[in-house]
Protein backbone atom coordinates (compact mmCIF):
# COMPACT_ATOMS: atom_id res chain seq x y z
CA MET A 1 18.80 -5.93 4.70
CA LYS A 2 19.69 -6.47 1.05
CA ILE A 3 17.32 -5.37 -1.71
CA PHE A 4 17.63 -6.87 -5.20
CA ASN A 5 15.75 -5.09 -7.97
CA SER A 6 15.87 -8.00 -10.40
CA LEU A 7 16.73 -11.68 -10.50
CA ASP A 8 19.94 -10.79 -12.36
CA ASP A 9 21.17 -8.85 -9.31
CA ILE A 10 21.13 -11.95 -7.12
CA PRO A 11 24.67 -13.32 -6.72
CA ASP A 12 25.54 -16.85 -7.83
CA ASN A 13 25.71 -19.56 -5.18
CA HIS A 14 22.94 -18.00 -3.11
CA GLY A 15 22.74 -19.59 0.32
CA PRO A 16 19.85 -21.86 1.36
CA SER A 17 16.74 -19.75 1.86
CA SER A 18 13.29 -19.68 3.40
CA ILE A 19 11.09 -17.62 1.10
CA THR A 20 7.68 -16.02 1.42
CA ILE A 21 6.04 -14.77 -1.79
CA GLY A 22 3.43 -12.11 -2.49
CA ASN A 23 2.69 -8.46 -3.19
CA PHE A 24 2.95 -7.48 0.50
CA ASP A 25 1.09 -4.29 -0.29
CA GLY A 26 -0.02 -2.41 2.81
CA LEU A 27 1.42 -5.04 5.16
CA HIS A 28 -1.75 -6.12 6.91
CA ILE A 29 -1.96 -8.66 9.73
CA GLY A 30 -2.02 -11.57 7.27
CA HIS A 31 1.29 -10.45 5.77
CA ILE A 32 2.77 -10.15 9.24
CA GLU A 33 1.91 -13.79 9.95
CA LEU A 34 3.77 -14.80 6.78
CA LEU A 35 6.82 -12.76 7.82
CA LYS A 36 6.85 -14.20 11.34
CA ASN A 37 6.61 -17.77 10.03
CA THR A 38 9.41 -17.11 7.55
CA ILE A 39 11.71 -15.73 10.24
CA ALA A 40 10.94 -18.62 12.61
CA LEU A 41 11.62 -21.28 9.99
CA ALA A 42 14.80 -19.54 8.82
CA LYS A 43 16.18 -19.49 12.35
CA LYS A 44 15.19 -23.12 12.95
CA ASN A 45 16.78 -24.36 9.72
CA ASN A 46 19.69 -21.89 9.49
CA THR A 47 18.52 -20.43 6.18
CA ILE A 48 18.25 -16.88 4.81
CA PRO A 49 14.79 -15.31 5.35
CA VAL A 50 13.69 -13.84 2.01
CA VAL A 51 10.66 -11.91 0.73
CA LEU A 52 9.98 -12.32 -2.97
CA THR A 53 7.68 -9.61 -4.26
CA PHE A 54 7.03 -7.64 -7.46
CA SER A 55 7.47 -4.15 -8.89
CA PRO A 56 5.38 -3.32 -10.76
CA MET A 57 2.85 -5.59 -9.15
CA PRO A 58 0.85 -7.90 -11.46
CA GLU A 59 -2.29 -5.79 -11.02
CA GLU A 60 -0.35 -2.70 -12.12
CA TYR A 61 1.11 -4.47 -15.15
CA PHE A 62 -2.32 -5.68 -16.26
CA GLN A 63 -3.84 -2.27 -15.38
CA ASN A 64 -6.62 -3.76 -13.28
CA THR A 65 -9.56 -1.42 -12.76
CA TYR A 66 -9.70 0.26 -9.34
CA PHE A 67 -6.27 -1.07 -8.34
CA PHE A 68 -3.96 1.27 -6.44
CA ARG A 69 -0.97 0.74 -4.21
CA LEU A 70 -1.37 0.91 -0.46
CA MET A 71 2.33 1.75 -0.03
CA ASN A 72 5.42 2.45 -2.11
CA ASN A 73 8.47 0.17 -2.35
CA THR A 74 10.50 2.14 0.19
CA GLU A 75 7.77 1.91 2.83
CA LYS A 76 7.29 -1.76 2.07
CA SER A 77 11.00 -2.54 2.42
CA ASP A 78 11.31 -0.56 5.64
CA PHE A 79 8.41 -2.42 7.26
CA ILE A 80 9.68 -5.81 6.10
CA LYS A 81 13.12 -5.03 7.51
CA ASP A 82 11.57 -4.41 10.94
CA TYR A 83 10.58 -8.08 11.15
CA GLY A 84 14.08 -9.42 10.53
CA ILE A 85 13.91 -10.34 6.84
CA GLU A 86 17.43 -10.32 5.37
CA GLU A 87 16.66 -10.06 1.65
CA VAL A 88 13.89 -8.55 -0.48
CA ILE A 89 13.68 -9.52 -4.14
CA LEU A 90 11.71 -7.00 -6.24
CA ILE A 91 10.98 -8.91 -9.44
CA PRO A 92 9.98 -6.65 -12.35
CA PHE A 93 6.63 -8.08 -13.42
CA ASN A 94 6.74 -7.75 -17.21
CA GLU A 95 5.50 -9.65 -20.26
CA GLU A 96 8.30 -12.21 -20.09
CA PHE A 97 7.76 -12.95 -16.41
CA SER A 98 3.96 -13.05 -16.81
CA LYS A 99 4.34 -15.91 -19.30
CA MET A 100 6.61 -18.00 -17.07
CA ASP A 101 4.84 -21.26 -16.23
CA GLU A 102 4.66 -22.73 -12.74
CA LYS A 103 7.39 -25.33 -13.29
CA LYS A 104 9.87 -22.83 -14.69
CA PHE A 105 9.16 -20.46 -11.78
CA ILE A 106 10.08 -23.17 -9.30
CA ASP A 107 13.09 -24.44 -11.30
CA GLU A 108 14.58 -21.14 -12.45
CA VAL A 109 13.64 -18.72 -9.69
CA LEU A 110 13.14 -20.65 -6.46
CA VAL A 111 15.71 -23.41 -6.96
CA LYS A 112 18.37 -22.07 -9.31
CA LYS A 113 18.47 -18.42 -8.23
CA LEU A 114 17.45 -18.57 -4.57
CA ASN A 115 18.37 -22.09 -3.44
CA ALA A 116 14.95 -22.39 -1.77
CA LYS A 117 14.58 -24.93 1.02
CA HIS A 118 11.32 -23.69 2.49
CA ILE A 119 8.42 -21.73 0.93
CA ILE A 120 5.87 -19.96 3.15
CA VAL A 121 2.66 -18.78 1.46
CA GLY A 122 -1.02 -18.16 2.10
CA ASN A 123 -3.38 -21.08 1.51
CA ASP A 124 -4.86 -19.26 -1.52
CA PHE A 125 -1.45 -18.77 -3.20
CA ARG A 126 -1.45 -18.90 -7.01
CA PHE A 127 1.49 -18.51 -9.37
CA GLY A 128 2.77 -19.06 -12.89
CA HIS A 129 1.28 -18.16 -16.27
CA LYS A 130 -2.47 -17.51 -15.90
CA ARG A 131 -2.09 -18.37 -12.18
CA ILE A 132 -2.35 -22.08 -12.95
CA GLY A 133 0.03 -23.10 -10.13
CA ASN A 134 -1.41 -23.50 -6.63
CA VAL A 135 -0.28 -24.70 -3.20
CA LYS A 136 -0.98 -28.35 -4.00
CA PHE A 137 1.21 -28.19 -7.12
CA LEU A 138 3.93 -26.32 -5.22
CA GLU A 139 3.96 -29.04 -2.57
CA SER A 140 4.08 -31.95 -5.02
CA TYR A 141 6.54 -30.49 -7.54
CA GLY A 142 8.63 -28.87 -4.80
CA HIS A 143 8.93 -32.17 -2.95
CA ASP A 144 11.12 -33.54 -5.75
CA LYS A 145 13.30 -30.42 -5.45
CA ASP A 146 13.75 -30.89 -1.69
CA ILE A 147 11.54 -27.88 -0.96
CA LYS A 148 9.20 -27.89 2.03
CA VAL A 149 6.03 -25.80 1.91
CA THR A 150 4.25 -24.15 4.83
CA THR A 151 0.84 -22.60 4.30
CA VAL A 152 -0.69 -19.89 6.47
CA ASN A 153 -4.46 -19.71 6.63
CA LEU A 154 -6.04 -16.42 5.64
CA ILE A 155 -6.86 -14.39 8.73
CA GLU A 156 -10.50 -13.54 9.25
CA ILE A 157 -12.14 -10.82 11.31
CA SER A 158 -15.90 -11.12 11.91
CA GLY A 159 -16.02 -13.86 9.30
CA LYS A 160 -14.39 -11.73 6.58
CA LYS A 161 -11.04 -12.67 5.05
CA ILE A 162 -8.34 -10.02 5.36
CA SER A 163 -6.48 -9.15 2.17
CA SER A 164 -5.05 -6.11 0.43
CA THR A 165 -7.98 -6.31 -1.99
CA SER A 166 -10.53 -6.19 0.83
CA ILE A 167 -8.68 -3.23 2.38
CA ARG A 168 -8.80 -1.34 -0.93
CA LYS A 169 -12.55 -1.94 -1.08
CA LEU A 170 -12.90 -0.47 2.42
CA LEU A 171 -10.92 2.62 1.40
CA ILE A 172 -12.96 3.09 -1.79
CA SER A 173 -16.19 2.85 0.21
CA GLY A 174 -14.91 5.45 2.68
CA LYS A 175 -14.43 3.07 5.62
CA ILE A 176 -11.07 4.57 6.53
CA LEU A 177 -11.11 3.59 10.19
CA GLU A 178 -11.81 -0.05 9.34
CA ALA A 179 -9.10 -0.14 6.67
CA ASN A 180 -6.47 1.48 8.89
CA HIS A 181 -7.28 -0.96 11.70
CA LEU A 182 -6.09 -3.78 9.44
CA LEU A 183 -2.95 -2.06 8.14
CA ARG A 184 0.50 -1.90 9.73
CA LYS A 185 0.38 1.87 9.18
CA PRO A 186 -2.60 4.06 8.14
CA PHE A 187 -3.21 4.56 4.43
CA SER A 188 -1.36 7.58 3.04
CA ILE A 189 -0.51 9.31 -0.22
CA GLN A 190 2.81 11.09 -0.67
CA GLY A 191 3.59 13.78 -3.21
CA LYS A 192 5.16 17.13 -4.02
CA ILE A 193 3.27 20.36 -3.38
CA ILE A 194 2.64 22.21 -6.62
CA HIS A 195 0.90 25.41 -7.65
CA GLY A 196 -2.82 24.94 -8.23
CA GLU A 197 -5.71 27.18 -9.23
CA LYS A 198 -5.67 28.88 -5.79
CA LEU A 199 -9.46 28.55 -5.53
CA GLY A 200 -9.19 27.55 -1.88
CA ARG A 201 -7.49 30.82 -1.04
CA GLU A 202 -10.40 32.73 -2.58
CA LEU A 203 -12.79 30.72 -0.41
CA GLY A 204 -10.87 31.40 2.79
CA TYR A 205 -9.38 27.90 2.95
CA PRO A 206 -5.95 27.94 1.23
CA THR A 207 -4.92 24.45 0.23
CA ALA A 208 -1.70 22.65 -0.61
CA ASN A 209 -2.10 20.89 -3.95
CA ILE A 210 -0.38 17.51 -4.01
CA GLU A 211 1.01 16.15 -7.25
CA ILE A 212 -0.33 12.63 -7.77
CA TYR A 213 0.70 10.48 -10.70
CA LYS A 214 -2.42 8.37 -11.03
CA SER A 215 -6.08 8.42 -10.23
CA TYR A 216 -7.29 6.90 -6.99
CA PRO A 217 -10.84 5.52 -6.90
CA ILE A 218 -11.32 7.43 -3.64
CA ASN A 219 -13.61 10.41 -3.36
CA GLY A 220 -14.49 12.79 -0.59
CA ILE A 221 -13.39 15.07 2.22
CA PHE A 222 -11.17 13.49 4.87
CA LEU A 223 -9.60 14.34 8.19
CA VAL A 224 -5.88 13.79 7.65
CA GLU A 225 -2.54 14.03 9.37
CA VAL A 226 0.11 15.88 7.40
CA LEU A 227 3.70 14.69 7.77
CA ARG A 228 6.56 17.04 6.97
CA GLU A 229 10.21 16.32 7.61
CA ASN A 230 11.37 17.65 11.00
CA SER A 231 7.96 19.14 11.74
CA ASP A 232 5.48 19.02 14.57
CA LYS A 233 2.29 17.00 14.08
CA LEU A 234 -0.13 18.74 11.72
CA TYR A 235 -3.74 18.01 10.86
CA GLY A 236 -5.97 19.13 8.05
CA LEU A 237 -8.83 18.46 5.68
CA ALA A 238 -8.02 16.70 2.42
CA SER A 239 -10.20 16.73 -0.66
CA ILE A 240 -9.61 14.04 -3.27
CA GLY A 241 -11.66 13.71 -6.44
CA ASN A 242 -12.48 15.88 -9.44
CA LYS A 243 -13.86 19.04 -7.71
CA PRO A 244 -17.42 18.76 -9.11
CA THR A 245 -18.41 22.31 -8.10
CA PHE A 246 -15.78 23.62 -10.51
CA SER A 247 -16.53 21.08 -13.26
CA GLY A 248 -13.25 19.27 -12.74
CA THR A 249 -12.29 16.26 -14.83
CA ASN A 250 -8.89 15.21 -13.44
CA ASP A 251 -8.42 13.87 -9.93
CA VAL A 252 -6.92 16.34 -7.51
CA LEU A 253 -5.58 15.90 -3.97
CA GLU A 254 -5.48 19.10 -1.96
CA VAL A 255 -5.10 19.72 1.75
CA PHE A 256 -6.14 22.58 3.99
CA ILE A 257 -3.65 22.41 6.88
CA PHE A 258 -4.95 23.71 10.20
CA ASN A 259 -3.13 26.68 11.76
CA PHE A 260 -0.44 26.74 9.10
CA LYS A 261 0.80 29.62 6.95
CA LEU A 262 4.30 28.66 5.73
CA ASP A 263 5.26 28.58 2.05
CA ILE A 264 5.96 24.91 1.30
CA TYR A 265 5.78 24.83 -2.50
CA GLY A 266 8.09 22.16 -3.86
CA GLU A 267 8.17 20.24 -0.58
CA THR A 268 7.18 16.57 -0.47
CA ILE A 269 4.65 15.70 2.20
CA LYS A 270 2.73 12.61 3.26
CA VAL A 271 -1.04 12.83 3.70
CA VAL A 272 -2.28 10.20 6.18
CA PHE A 273 -6.01 9.47 5.92
CA LEU A 274 -7.68 9.22 9.34
CA GLU A 275 -11.43 9.49 8.84
CA LYS A 276 -13.92 10.34 6.10
CA ILE A 277 -16.08 13.42 6.66
CA ARG A 278 -18.30 13.25 3.56
CA ASP A 279 -18.44 12.65 -0.19
CA GLN A 280 -17.59 15.40 -2.64
CA ILE A 281 -20.73 17.34 -3.54
CA LYS A 282 -21.57 19.72 -6.38
CA PHE A 283 -22.71 23.06 -4.91
CA ASN A 284 -24.78 25.64 -6.75
CA THR A 285 -22.86 28.64 -5.39
CA LYS A 286 -19.53 29.43 -3.78
CA GLU A 287 -21.40 30.58 -0.69
CA GLU A 288 -22.93 27.13 -0.25
CA LEU A 289 -19.48 25.58 -0.61
CA ILE A 290 -17.96 27.96 1.96
CA ASP A 291 -20.69 27.14 4.47
CA GLN A 292 -20.07 23.41 3.97
CA MET A 293 -16.30 23.86 4.33
CA LYS A 294 -16.85 25.63 7.66
CA ASN A 295 -19.00 22.74 8.78
CA ASP A 296 -16.38 20.19 7.63
CA HIS A 297 -13.73 22.11 9.56
CA ASN A 298 -15.82 22.05 12.76
CA ILE A 299 -16.53 18.33 12.38
CA ALA A 300 -12.82 17.63 11.98
CA LEU A 301 -11.89 19.72 15.01
CA ASN A 302 -14.49 17.92 17.12
CA ILE A 303 -13.08 14.54 16.09
CA LEU A 304 -9.59 15.66 17.10
CA ARG A 305 -10.86 16.99 20.42
CA ASN A 306 -12.52 13.65 21.13
CA LYS A 307 -9.21 11.97 20.39
CA ASN A 308 -7.45 14.45 22.72
CA GLU A 309 -5.31 15.62 19.82
CA LEU A 310 -6.14 19.30 20.31
């Protein structure tokens, strides 16, 4: 699969293409329907199946409150490749691109750069400056450019529409099991292990402190799986938030890994969120915190036993 990190990287005389467009963050079941339709139409019409997406994403560029990525670009590309997509275009969403109107997007990007013959999008698709363009405009304007448009209805479960936004809301509210059920892979955060304040060690629960580059609007104690390269499956308790007992202000992600004593400073690990245990709480004494940590540990072990993971 070819990955282009800008429109300028796309070679001239691009072959006829079937293109699906969107953030594709988290790759939920709605995204998968778009990918499957794109592959099917590409095979039927002998075109190149293409995913057009953005990095940074529009929500990142505009610094939308409570927005966070569900996956990084590498994970996204790997998952997309699994479905048979041949090209991924990662358009840098910047000021210039944000001001591109809907007609110019079709003319300059879809037609001129990608030789689009078929566009596959969700029925709520919006595009162009201030998101003025919609599916109806794409169909009418694209018709004159010999572009066919296929829309995929938003998938609903129990009457609720599935989207990356709705999944983020589930994660923020602590409904990890529900969110992961909708995702191609469970929600995770990856980062390098750095030296922390070593407070966990003093409490009898030494933790690995994970370097994170932004705040996540997620708070609490979670049962997690810890992924290390060439390692057996590991589980632990992750705490994410501002450590209220110790008057913290910056968000911290730290993990107590069960039955683990190796020195892994500097190593990059992935923390996979499996289930929320509780919210972060401010305790009056260290003794109260230690008692609660013991209880959290027991709850986590019982969950794993019920899953036959211990």
